[in-house]
Amino acid sequence: MRTLCASTLIGEFFVIGFAGLVAMKTSGLSAATVWTVCGIAMALCVLLCGMLGRPGAVRIGWALQIGLVLSGLIVTTMYVLGVAFAGLWWASVHFGRKVDEAKARFAAAGADTA
């Protein structure tokens, strides 16, 4: 699960950065405000990559996905990208857990035959 979720978060890191550039030019917000919010969100993406094995990290990831969708209020394209990344996050969590379970079963089967 960690690999899939971390890949999604790193993709979001770049999308948030590019959305910050767009927001700086098209919104009425100051550059300092835009980069403070984007910087916090980008830092959260990177920090979550390291926290994925800890309890609550997936929930924080979901909160980040909600924030990404809501950023569409400033940059309307982010509605589409936010929903797309929320779908990727769901798939990363869902299928990542299935892969982890399969690895555990395979390891247990290998330990039984040895």
N, C-alpha and C. Protein backbone atom coordinates (compact mmCIF):
# COMPACT_ATOMS: atom_id res chain seq x y z
N MET A 1 0.82 -1.18 0.00
CA MET A 1 0.00 0.00 0.00
C MET A 1 0.87 1.25 0.00
N ARG A 2 1.98 1.16 0.72
CA ARG A 2 2.82 2.35 0.86
C ARG A 2 3.32 2.86 -0.48
N THR A 3 3.71 1.95 -1.36
CA THR A 3 4.27 2.37 -2.65
C THR A 3 3.21 3.06 -3.51
N LEU A 4 2.03 2.46 -3.58
CA LEU A 4 0.97 3.06 -4.40
C LEU A 4 0.53 4.41 -3.84
N CYS A 5 0.34 4.49 -2.54
CA CYS A 5 -0.10 5.75 -1.93
C CYS A 5 0.97 6.82 -2.05
N ALA A 6 2.23 6.44 -1.86
CA ALA A 6 3.31 7.42 -1.97
C ALA A 6 3.41 7.95 -3.40
N SER A 7 3.19 7.10 -4.39
CA SER A 7 3.21 7.55 -5.78
C SER A 7 2.11 8.56 -6.05
N THR A 8 0.94 8.31 -5.50
CA THR A 8 -0.17 9.25 -5.66
C THR A 8 0.16 10.58 -4.99
N LEU A 9 0.74 10.53 -3.80
CA LEU A 9 1.06 11.75 -3.07
C LEU A 9 2.14 12.57 -3.78
N ILE A 10 3.10 11.91 -4.38
CA ILE A 10 4.15 12.65 -5.11
C ILE A 10 3.55 13.30 -6.35
N GLY A 11 2.64 12.62 -7.01
CA GLY A 11 1.93 13.24 -8.15
C GLY A 11 1.15 14.46 -7.70
N GLU A 12 0.50 14.36 -6.56
CA GLU A 12 -0.25 15.50 -6.01
C GLU A 12 0.68 16.66 -5.66
N PHE A 13 1.86 16.34 -5.18
CA PHE A 13 2.85 17.37 -4.85
C PHE A 13 3.08 18.28 -6.06
N PHE A 14 3.30 17.67 -7.21
CA PHE A 14 3.55 18.45 -8.42
C PHE A 14 2.30 19.19 -8.90
N VAL A 15 1.15 18.54 -8.82
CA VAL A 15 -0.10 19.18 -9.24
C VAL A 15 -0.38 20.40 -8.37
N ILE A 16 -0.17 20.28 -7.08
CA ILE A 16 -0.39 21.41 -6.18
C ILE A 16 0.55 22.56 -6.52
N GLY A 17 1.80 22.24 -6.83
CA GLY A 17 2.75 23.28 -7.22
C GLY A 17 2.33 24.01 -8.48
N PHE A 18 1.90 23.24 -9.48
CA PHE A 18 1.46 23.87 -10.72
C PHE A 18 0.16 24.66 -10.51
N ALA A 19 -0.73 24.14 -9.68
CA ALA A 19 -1.96 24.88 -9.38
C ALA A 19 -1.63 26.19 -8.66
N GLY A 20 -0.60 26.18 -7.84
CA GLY A 20 -0.17 27.41 -7.18
C GLY A 20 0.28 28.46 -8.18
N LEU A 21 0.99 28.02 -9.21
CA LEU A 21 1.41 28.96 -10.25
C LEU A 21 0.20 29.57 -10.96
N VAL A 22 -0.79 28.72 -11.25
CA VAL A 22 -2.00 29.21 -11.92
C VAL A 22 -2.76 30.16 -10.99
N ALA A 23 -2.90 29.76 -9.72
CA ALA A 23 -3.65 30.58 -8.76
C ALA A 23 -2.98 31.93 -8.55
N MET A 24 -1.66 31.96 -8.61
CA MET A 24 -0.94 33.21 -8.42
C MET A 24 -1.27 34.20 -9.53
N LYS A 25 -1.49 33.70 -10.74
CA LYS A 25 -1.76 34.58 -11.89
C LYS A 25 -3.23 34.89 -12.08
N THR A 26 -4.11 33.95 -11.74
CA THR A 26 -5.52 34.14 -12.08
C THR A 26 -6.42 34.54 -10.92
N SER A 27 -6.01 34.30 -9.69
CA SER A 27 -6.87 34.64 -8.56
C SER A 27 -6.49 36.01 -8.01
N GLY A 28 -7.33 36.52 -7.16
CA GLY A 28 -7.05 37.81 -6.54
C GLY A 28 -6.23 37.69 -5.27
N LEU A 29 -5.74 36.49 -4.99
CA LEU A 29 -4.97 36.25 -3.77
C LEU A 29 -3.52 36.70 -3.96
N SER A 30 -2.91 37.09 -2.86
CA SER A 30 -1.50 37.50 -2.94
C SER A 30 -0.63 36.26 -3.13
N ALA A 31 0.54 36.48 -3.67
CA ALA A 31 1.48 35.38 -3.88
C ALA A 31 1.85 34.72 -2.56
N ALA A 32 1.98 35.52 -1.51
CA ALA A 32 2.33 34.97 -0.19
C ALA A 32 1.24 34.02 0.31
N THR A 33 -0.01 34.39 0.13
CA THR A 33 -1.11 33.53 0.56
C THR A 33 -1.13 32.24 -0.23
N VAL A 34 -1.01 32.38 -1.54
CA VAL A 34 -1.04 31.19 -2.40
C VAL A 34 0.08 30.23 -2.03
N TRP A 35 1.29 30.75 -1.87
CA TRP A 35 2.42 29.85 -1.61
C TRP A 35 2.46 29.34 -0.17
N THR A 36 1.83 30.06 0.74
CA THR A 36 1.72 29.52 2.10
C THR A 36 0.81 28.30 2.10
N VAL A 37 -0.36 28.44 1.47
CA VAL A 37 -1.31 27.33 1.42
C VAL A 37 -0.73 26.18 0.60
N CYS A 38 -0.19 26.49 -0.57
CA CYS A 38 0.37 25.43 -1.42
C CYS A 38 1.58 24.78 -0.75
N GLY A 39 2.40 25.56 -0.10
CA GLY A 39 3.58 25.02 0.58
C GLY A 39 3.20 24.05 1.68
N ILE A 40 2.17 24.41 2.45
CA ILE A 40 1.71 23.51 3.52
C ILE A 40 1.17 22.22 2.92
N ALA A 41 0.38 22.34 1.86
CA ALA A 41 -0.19 21.14 1.21
C ALA A 41 0.91 20.28 0.59
N MET A 42 1.90 20.91 -0.03
CA MET A 42 2.99 20.16 -0.64
C MET A 42 3.83 19.47 0.44
N ALA A 43 4.09 20.16 1.54
CA ALA A 43 4.84 19.56 2.64
C ALA A 43 4.06 18.38 3.23
N LEU A 44 2.75 18.53 3.33
CA LEU A 44 1.92 17.45 3.84
C LEU A 44 2.01 16.22 2.94
N CYS A 45 2.04 16.43 1.63
CA CYS A 45 2.19 15.31 0.70
C CYS A 45 3.48 14.54 0.97
N VAL A 46 4.57 15.27 1.12
CA VAL A 46 5.87 14.62 1.34
C VAL A 46 5.91 13.94 2.71
N LEU A 47 5.41 14.62 3.74
CA LEU A 47 5.41 14.03 5.08
C LEU A 47 4.53 12.79 5.15
N LEU A 48 3.41 12.82 4.45
CA LEU A 48 2.53 11.65 4.45
C LEU A 48 3.19 10.44 3.81
N CYS A 49 4.07 10.67 2.85
CA CYS A 49 4.78 9.54 2.23
C CYS A 49 5.55 8.76 3.29
N GLY A 50 6.12 9.46 4.24
CA GLY A 50 6.86 8.79 5.30
C GLY A 50 6.00 8.25 6.42
N MET A 51 4.77 8.73 6.52
CA MET A 51 3.88 8.33 7.61
C MET A 51 2.90 7.23 7.22
N LEU A 52 2.96 6.71 6.02
CA LEU A 52 1.93 5.80 5.53
C LEU A 52 1.80 4.52 6.33
N GLY A 53 2.80 4.13 7.05
CA GLY A 53 2.70 2.93 7.86
C GLY A 53 2.06 3.18 9.22
N ARG A 54 1.85 4.42 9.56
CA ARG A 54 1.30 4.78 10.88
C ARG A 54 -0.22 4.88 10.84
N PRO A 55 -0.83 4.63 12.00
CA PRO A 55 -2.30 4.77 12.06
C PRO A 55 -2.73 6.21 11.80
N GLY A 56 -3.79 6.38 11.08
CA GLY A 56 -4.33 7.70 10.81
C GLY A 56 -3.78 8.37 9.57
N ALA A 57 -2.74 7.82 8.98
CA ALA A 57 -2.14 8.46 7.80
C ALA A 57 -3.10 8.44 6.61
N VAL A 58 -3.84 7.36 6.46
CA VAL A 58 -4.78 7.27 5.33
C VAL A 58 -5.90 8.30 5.52
N ARG A 59 -6.33 8.49 6.76
CA ARG A 59 -7.37 9.50 7.02
C ARG A 59 -6.85 10.90 6.70
N ILE A 60 -5.62 11.19 7.07
CA ILE A 60 -5.04 12.49 6.74
C ILE A 60 -4.96 12.63 5.21
N GLY A 61 -4.64 11.53 4.54
CA GLY A 61 -4.62 11.54 3.08
C GLY A 61 -5.98 11.86 2.50
N TRP A 62 -7.04 11.33 3.11
CA TRP A 62 -8.39 11.65 2.64
C TRP A 62 -8.70 13.12 2.86
N ALA A 63 -8.25 13.67 3.97
CA ALA A 63 -8.45 15.11 4.22
C ALA A 63 -7.73 15.93 3.16
N LEU A 64 -6.55 15.48 2.77
CA LEU A 64 -5.81 16.17 1.71
C LEU A 64 -6.58 16.10 0.39
N GLN A 65 -7.20 14.96 0.12
CA GLN A 65 -7.97 14.81 -1.12
C GLN A 65 -9.16 15.78 -1.13
N ILE A 66 -9.82 15.92 0.01
CA ILE A 66 -10.95 16.85 0.11
C ILE A 66 -10.46 18.28 -0.13
N GLY A 67 -9.31 18.62 0.46
CA GLY A 67 -8.74 19.95 0.24
C GLY A 67 -8.38 20.18 -1.21
N LEU A 68 -7.89 19.14 -1.87
CA LEU A 68 -7.52 19.27 -3.28
C LEU A 68 -8.76 19.53 -4.14
N VAL A 69 -9.86 18.83 -3.85
CA VAL A 69 -11.11 19.07 -4.59
C VAL A 69 -11.61 20.49 -4.30
N LEU A 70 -11.56 20.90 -3.04
CA LEU A 70 -12.05 22.23 -2.67
C LEU A 70 -11.18 23.35 -3.24
N SER A 71 -9.95 23.04 -3.61
CA SER A 71 -9.11 24.07 -4.22
C SER A 71 -9.66 24.50 -5.58
N GLY A 72 -10.64 23.75 -6.08
CA GLY A 72 -11.34 24.15 -7.30
C GLY A 72 -12.08 25.46 -7.15
N LEU A 73 -12.32 25.88 -5.92
CA LEU A 73 -12.94 27.20 -5.70
C LEU A 73 -12.03 28.32 -6.18
N ILE A 74 -10.74 28.09 -6.18
CA ILE A 74 -9.75 29.09 -6.61
C ILE A 74 -9.33 28.84 -8.06
N VAL A 75 -9.00 27.60 -8.38
CA VAL A 75 -8.60 27.21 -9.74
C VAL A 75 -9.58 26.13 -10.17
N THR A 76 -10.49 26.46 -11.05
CA THR A 76 -11.60 25.55 -11.37
C THR A 76 -11.15 24.20 -11.94
N THR A 77 -10.03 24.16 -12.60
CA THR A 77 -9.52 22.89 -13.13
C THR A 77 -9.23 21.90 -12.00
N MET A 78 -9.00 22.40 -10.81
CA MET A 78 -8.68 21.54 -9.68
C MET A 78 -9.86 20.69 -9.25
N TYR A 79 -11.08 21.07 -9.63
CA TYR A 79 -12.22 20.19 -9.36
C TYR A 79 -11.99 18.84 -10.06
N VAL A 80 -11.64 18.91 -11.32
CA VAL A 80 -11.41 17.69 -12.10
C VAL A 80 -10.19 16.95 -11.59
N LEU A 81 -9.09 17.66 -11.41
CA LEU A 81 -7.87 17.01 -10.94
C LEU A 81 -8.03 16.48 -9.52
N GLY A 82 -8.75 17.21 -8.68
CA GLY A 82 -8.98 16.75 -7.32
C GLY A 82 -9.78 15.46 -7.27
N VAL A 83 -10.81 15.38 -8.09
CA VAL A 83 -11.61 14.15 -8.15
C VAL A 83 -10.76 13.01 -8.72
N ALA A 84 -9.96 13.31 -9.72
CA ALA A 84 -9.09 12.28 -10.31
C ALA A 84 -8.11 11.75 -9.27
N PHE A 85 -7.49 12.64 -8.50
CA PHE A 85 -6.54 12.20 -7.49
C PHE A 85 -7.23 11.53 -6.32
N ALA A 86 -8.45 11.92 -6.00
CA ALA A 86 -9.21 11.22 -4.96
C ALA A 86 -9.48 9.78 -5.41
N GLY A 87 -9.79 9.62 -6.69
CA GLY A 87 -9.97 8.27 -7.24
C GLY A 87 -8.68 7.47 -7.20
N LEU A 88 -7.58 8.11 -7.53
CA LEU A 88 -6.28 7.43 -7.45
C LEU A 88 -5.95 7.07 -6.01
N TRP A 89 -6.29 7.96 -5.08
CA TRP A 89 -6.03 7.68 -3.66
C TRP A 89 -6.84 6.47 -3.21
N TRP A 90 -8.12 6.45 -3.60
CA TRP A 90 -8.96 5.31 -3.24
C TRP A 90 -8.37 4.02 -3.82
N ALA A 91 -7.99 4.06 -5.09
CA ALA A 91 -7.43 2.87 -5.73
C ALA A 91 -6.12 2.45 -5.07
N SER A 92 -5.30 3.41 -4.70
CA SER A 92 -4.03 3.10 -4.05
C SER A 92 -4.25 2.43 -2.70
N VAL A 93 -5.20 2.93 -1.94
CA VAL A 93 -5.49 2.34 -0.63
C VAL A 93 -6.14 0.97 -0.80
N HIS A 94 -7.15 0.89 -1.65
CA HIS A 94 -7.91 -0.35 -1.84
C HIS A 94 -7.02 -1.47 -2.39
N PHE A 95 -6.40 -1.21 -3.52
CA PHE A 95 -5.60 -2.26 -4.15
C PHE A 95 -4.27 -2.47 -3.43
N GLY A 96 -3.76 -1.43 -2.79
CA GLY A 96 -2.54 -1.59 -2.00
C GLY A 96 -2.75 -2.55 -0.85
N ARG A 97 -3.90 -2.46 -0.19
CA ARG A 97 -4.21 -3.40 0.89
C ARG A 97 -4.35 -4.82 0.37
N LYS A 98 -4.95 -4.96 -0.81
CA LYS A 98 -5.08 -6.29 -1.40
C LYS A 98 -3.71 -6.89 -1.73
N VAL A 99 -2.82 -6.06 -2.25
CA VAL A 99 -1.46 -6.52 -2.55
C VAL A 99 -0.74 -6.92 -1.26
N ASP A 100 -0.90 -6.11 -0.22
CA ASP A 100 -0.27 -6.44 1.06
C ASP A 100 -0.80 -7.77 1.61
N GLU A 101 -2.11 -7.99 1.50
CA GLU A 101 -2.69 -9.25 1.96
C GLU A 101 -2.17 -10.43 1.13
N ALA A 102 -2.04 -10.25 -0.17
CA ALA A 102 -1.53 -11.32 -1.03
C ALA A 102 -0.08 -11.62 -0.70
N LYS A 103 0.71 -10.58 -0.44
CA LYS A 103 2.11 -10.80 -0.05
C LYS A 103 2.20 -11.58 1.25
N ALA A 104 1.33 -11.25 2.20
CA ALA A 104 1.33 -11.94 3.49
C ALA A 104 0.95 -13.41 3.31
N ARG A 105 -0.08 -13.67 2.47
CA ARG A 105 -0.46 -15.06 2.20
C ARG A 105 0.66 -15.82 1.52
N PHE A 106 1.32 -15.18 0.56
CA PHE A 106 2.42 -15.82 -0.16
C PHE A 106 3.58 -16.12 0.79
N ALA A 107 3.89 -15.19 1.67
CA ALA A 107 4.97 -15.40 2.64
C ALA A 107 4.60 -16.52 3.60
N ALA A 108 3.34 -16.57 4.03
CA ALA A 108 2.90 -17.63 4.94
C ALA A 108 2.95 -18.99 4.24
N ALA A 109 2.56 -19.03 2.98
CA ALA A 109 2.60 -20.28 2.23
C ALA A 109 4.04 -20.73 2.02
N GLY A 110 4.94 -19.78 1.80
CA GLY A 110 6.35 -20.12 1.64
C GLY A 110 6.96 -20.61 2.93
N ALA A 111 6.52 -20.08 4.06
CA ALA A 111 7.04 -20.49 5.36
C ALA A 111 6.52 -21.89 5.71
N ASP A 112 5.31 -22.22 5.25
CA ASP A 112 4.74 -23.53 5.54
C ASP A 112 5.46 -24.64 4.78
N THR A 113 5.93 -24.36 3.56
CA THR A 113 6.57 -25.38 2.75
C THR A 113 8.05 -25.56 3.09
N ALA A 114 8.62 -24.60 3.77
CA ALA A 114 10.07 -24.67 4.07
C ALA A 114 10.36 -25.53 5.25
